[in-house]
Amino acid sequence: MGLLTLIIALVTVLILVCAFKAHMPRGNPVVEVDVAGTPDQIARGAHLANTVCATCHTVNDEIPLSAARISCRMTQCR
C-alpha cells in the first residue's frame, strides 16, 4: 500500500507541475505594432469581417457584431 500511495503522489505532483508550467505567463514582451490604416487595409478588414465573422455573429446581417445567432443556436430559439 505504501508503494501505491507513493506512485499516486508522484503522478499527482507531475500533473500539478505540468499544469502550472502550461498556464504560467510567458516572459515574452508584447510587441507594439503600428498599422498605417490605409484604405486598402480597412477595406480588407471589412471584407474579412463580413465574410468570416458576420455570418455567425449577426442577426439579419445587422452590424455591429452581436453574437446573437450563436446564443440563439445554444438555446434552440430558431
N, C-alpha and C. Protein backbone atom coordinates (compact mmCIF):
# COMPACT_ATOMS: atom_id res chain seq x y z
N MET A 1 0.82 -1.19 0.00
CA MET A 1 0.00 0.00 0.00
C MET A 1 0.87 1.26 0.00
N GLY A 2 2.00 1.22 0.61
CA GLY A 2 2.89 2.38 0.65
C GLY A 2 3.42 2.73 -0.73
N LEU A 3 3.72 1.71 -1.55
CA LEU A 3 4.23 1.95 -2.90
C LEU A 3 3.14 2.56 -3.78
N LEU A 4 1.93 2.10 -3.66
CA LEU A 4 0.82 2.65 -4.43
C LEU A 4 0.58 4.10 -4.07
N THR A 5 0.64 4.43 -2.80
CA THR A 5 0.46 5.81 -2.35
C THR A 5 1.56 6.70 -2.90
N LEU A 6 2.78 6.20 -2.90
CA LEU A 6 3.91 6.95 -3.43
C LEU A 6 3.75 7.20 -4.93
N ILE A 7 3.32 6.21 -5.68
CA ILE A 7 3.11 6.35 -7.13
C ILE A 7 2.01 7.37 -7.40
N ILE A 8 0.92 7.29 -6.66
CA ILE A 8 -0.19 8.25 -6.85
C ILE A 8 0.27 9.66 -6.51
N ALA A 9 1.04 9.81 -5.45
CA ALA A 9 1.54 11.13 -5.07
C ALA A 9 2.47 11.69 -6.14
N LEU A 10 3.35 10.87 -6.69
CA LEU A 10 4.27 11.32 -7.73
C LEU A 10 3.53 11.72 -9.00
N VAL A 11 2.54 10.95 -9.38
CA VAL A 11 1.74 11.28 -10.56
C VAL A 11 0.99 12.58 -10.34
N THR A 12 0.44 12.76 -9.16
CA THR A 12 -0.27 13.99 -8.83
C THR A 12 0.65 15.21 -8.90
N VAL A 13 1.84 15.07 -8.33
CA VAL A 13 2.81 16.17 -8.38
C VAL A 13 3.20 16.46 -9.82
N LEU A 14 3.42 15.44 -10.61
CA LEU A 14 3.77 15.63 -12.01
C LEU A 14 2.66 16.36 -12.77
N ILE A 15 1.43 16.00 -12.54
CA ILE A 15 0.30 16.66 -13.20
C ILE A 15 0.22 18.12 -12.77
N LEU A 16 0.40 18.39 -11.48
CA LEU A 16 0.34 19.76 -11.00
C LEU A 16 1.47 20.62 -11.58
N VAL A 17 2.67 20.07 -11.66
CA VAL A 17 3.79 20.82 -12.23
C VAL A 17 3.54 21.09 -13.71
N CYS A 18 3.06 20.12 -14.44
CA CYS A 18 2.77 20.33 -15.87
C CYS A 18 1.67 21.36 -16.07
N ALA A 19 0.63 21.30 -15.25
CA ALA A 19 -0.46 22.27 -15.37
C ALA A 19 0.04 23.67 -15.05
N PHE A 20 0.88 23.80 -14.04
CA PHE A 20 1.44 25.11 -13.69
C PHE A 20 2.29 25.65 -14.82
N LYS A 21 3.13 24.82 -15.40
CA LYS A 21 4.00 25.27 -16.49
C LYS A 21 3.19 25.62 -17.73
N ALA A 22 2.12 24.91 -17.97
CA ALA A 22 1.30 25.19 -19.16
C ALA A 22 0.58 26.52 -19.04
N HIS A 23 0.19 26.91 -17.82
CA HIS A 23 -0.58 28.14 -17.62
C HIS A 23 0.26 29.29 -17.08
N MET A 24 1.55 29.08 -16.95
CA MET A 24 2.44 30.11 -16.44
C MET A 24 2.61 31.21 -17.49
N PRO A 25 2.60 32.47 -17.07
CA PRO A 25 2.79 33.53 -18.06
C PRO A 25 4.16 33.45 -18.72
N ARG A 26 4.19 33.77 -19.98
CA ARG A 26 5.43 33.73 -20.73
C ARG A 26 6.21 35.02 -20.50
N GLY A 27 7.51 34.96 -20.67
CA GLY A 27 8.36 36.11 -20.45
C GLY A 27 8.52 37.00 -21.66
N ASN A 28 7.85 36.69 -22.75
CA ASN A 28 8.00 37.49 -23.96
C ASN A 28 7.19 38.78 -23.84
N PRO A 29 7.81 39.91 -24.12
CA PRO A 29 7.07 41.18 -24.04
C PRO A 29 6.10 41.32 -25.21
N VAL A 30 5.09 42.14 -24.99
CA VAL A 30 4.12 42.43 -26.04
C VAL A 30 4.78 43.39 -27.02
N VAL A 31 4.67 43.08 -28.29
CA VAL A 31 5.28 43.90 -29.32
C VAL A 31 4.29 44.99 -29.74
N GLU A 32 4.75 46.21 -29.74
CA GLU A 32 3.94 47.32 -30.22
C GLU A 32 3.98 47.32 -31.75
N VAL A 33 2.81 47.32 -32.36
CA VAL A 33 2.72 47.30 -33.81
C VAL A 33 1.95 48.54 -34.25
N ASP A 34 2.54 49.30 -35.13
CA ASP A 34 1.86 50.45 -35.71
C ASP A 34 1.35 50.07 -37.09
N VAL A 35 0.06 50.24 -37.28
CA VAL A 35 -0.56 49.92 -38.56
C VAL A 35 -0.95 51.23 -39.23
N ALA A 36 -0.64 51.34 -40.49
CA ALA A 36 -0.89 52.59 -41.22
C ALA A 36 -2.39 52.87 -41.34
N GLY A 37 -3.21 51.86 -41.47
CA GLY A 37 -4.65 52.07 -41.63
C GLY A 37 -5.00 52.67 -42.97
N THR A 38 -4.37 52.14 -43.99
CA THR A 38 -4.65 52.64 -45.34
C THR A 38 -6.06 52.22 -45.77
N PRO A 39 -6.62 52.89 -46.74
CA PRO A 39 -7.95 52.48 -47.22
C PRO A 39 -8.00 51.03 -47.69
N ASP A 40 -6.90 50.53 -48.27
CA ASP A 40 -6.87 49.13 -48.69
C ASP A 40 -6.94 48.18 -47.49
N GLN A 41 -6.22 48.51 -46.41
CA GLN A 41 -6.25 47.67 -45.21
C GLN A 41 -7.63 47.70 -44.56
N ILE A 42 -8.24 48.87 -44.52
CA ILE A 42 -9.58 48.98 -43.93
C ILE A 42 -10.60 48.21 -44.76
N ALA A 43 -10.49 48.30 -46.07
CA ALA A 43 -11.39 47.55 -46.95
C ALA A 43 -11.20 46.04 -46.78
N ARG A 44 -9.95 45.61 -46.63
CA ARG A 44 -9.67 44.18 -46.42
C ARG A 44 -10.25 43.72 -45.09
N GLY A 45 -10.10 44.52 -44.05
CA GLY A 45 -10.67 44.18 -42.74
C GLY A 45 -12.19 44.09 -42.79
N ALA A 46 -12.81 45.03 -43.48
CA ALA A 46 -14.27 44.99 -43.63
C ALA A 46 -14.70 43.75 -44.39
N HIS A 47 -13.96 43.41 -45.43
CA HIS A 47 -14.28 42.20 -46.21
C HIS A 47 -14.16 40.95 -45.33
N LEU A 48 -13.09 40.85 -44.56
CA LEU A 48 -12.91 39.69 -43.69
C LEU A 48 -14.01 39.61 -42.64
N ALA A 49 -14.35 40.73 -42.02
CA ALA A 49 -15.40 40.74 -41.00
C ALA A 49 -16.74 40.33 -41.60
N ASN A 50 -17.04 40.80 -42.79
CA ASN A 50 -18.32 40.48 -43.41
C ASN A 50 -18.40 39.05 -43.91
N THR A 51 -17.30 38.47 -44.34
CA THR A 51 -17.34 37.12 -44.89
C THR A 51 -17.06 36.05 -43.85
N VAL A 52 -16.28 36.36 -42.84
CA VAL A 52 -15.91 35.33 -41.87
C VAL A 52 -16.72 35.46 -40.59
N CYS A 53 -16.82 36.65 -40.03
CA CYS A 53 -17.43 36.84 -38.72
C CYS A 53 -18.95 37.04 -38.78
N ALA A 54 -19.39 37.88 -39.70
CA ALA A 54 -20.78 38.31 -39.70
C ALA A 54 -21.75 37.19 -40.02
N THR A 55 -21.30 36.11 -40.65
CA THR A 55 -22.23 35.03 -40.97
C THR A 55 -22.75 34.34 -39.72
N CYS A 56 -21.98 34.35 -38.64
CA CYS A 56 -22.43 33.70 -37.40
C CYS A 56 -22.78 34.70 -36.30
N HIS A 57 -22.19 35.87 -36.33
CA HIS A 57 -22.30 36.78 -35.20
C HIS A 57 -23.32 37.89 -35.38
N THR A 58 -24.18 37.81 -36.35
CA THR A 58 -25.21 38.84 -36.51
C THR A 58 -26.56 38.18 -36.75
N VAL A 59 -27.59 38.95 -36.52
CA VAL A 59 -28.95 38.53 -36.84
C VAL A 59 -29.42 39.43 -37.97
N ASN A 60 -29.89 38.86 -39.05
CA ASN A 60 -30.38 39.61 -40.22
C ASN A 60 -29.33 40.58 -40.73
N ASP A 61 -28.06 40.15 -40.70
CA ASP A 61 -26.94 40.94 -41.20
C ASP A 61 -26.84 42.32 -40.55
N GLU A 62 -27.18 42.40 -39.26
CA GLU A 62 -27.05 43.65 -38.53
C GLU A 62 -25.60 43.83 -38.09
N ILE A 63 -25.15 45.04 -38.08
CA ILE A 63 -23.82 45.39 -37.59
C ILE A 63 -24.04 46.38 -36.45
N PRO A 64 -23.38 46.40 -35.37
CA PRO A 64 -22.15 45.68 -35.06
C PRO A 64 -22.40 44.22 -34.73
N LEU A 65 -21.34 43.46 -34.74
CA LEU A 65 -21.43 42.02 -34.48
C LEU A 65 -21.96 41.79 -33.08
N SER A 66 -22.96 40.94 -32.94
CA SER A 66 -23.62 40.80 -31.65
C SER A 66 -23.63 39.38 -31.11
N ALA A 67 -23.20 38.41 -31.86
CA ALA A 67 -23.20 37.01 -31.44
C ALA A 67 -24.60 36.49 -31.16
N ALA A 68 -25.60 37.11 -31.71
CA ALA A 68 -26.98 36.69 -31.44
C ALA A 68 -27.28 35.33 -32.03
N ARG A 69 -26.76 35.02 -33.22
CA ARG A 69 -27.03 33.71 -33.81
C ARG A 69 -26.40 32.60 -33.00
N ILE A 70 -25.22 32.84 -32.45
CA ILE A 70 -24.57 31.81 -31.64
C ILE A 70 -25.37 31.56 -30.38
N SER A 71 -25.80 32.61 -29.68
CA SER A 71 -26.59 32.40 -28.46
C SER A 71 -27.94 31.81 -28.79
N CYS A 72 -28.49 32.17 -29.93
CA CYS A 72 -29.77 31.59 -30.35
C CYS A 72 -29.62 30.10 -30.62
N ARG A 73 -28.51 29.73 -31.26
CA ARG A 73 -28.25 28.31 -31.53
C ARG A 73 -28.12 27.53 -30.24
N MET A 74 -27.50 28.15 -29.23
CA MET A 74 -27.29 27.45 -27.96
C MET A 74 -28.61 27.23 -27.23
N THR A 75 -29.57 28.12 -27.40
CA THR A 75 -30.84 27.99 -26.70
C THR A 75 -31.95 27.41 -27.57
N GLN A 76 -31.61 27.05 -28.81
CA GLN A 76 -32.56 26.45 -29.74
C GLN A 76 -33.76 27.35 -30.00
N CYS A 77 -33.53 28.64 -30.25
CA CYS A 77 -34.64 29.57 -30.41
C CYS A 77 -35.00 29.83 -31.87
N ARG A 78 -34.50 29.06 -32.79
CA ARG A 78 -34.80 29.30 -34.20
C ARG A 78 -36.19 28.94 -34.49
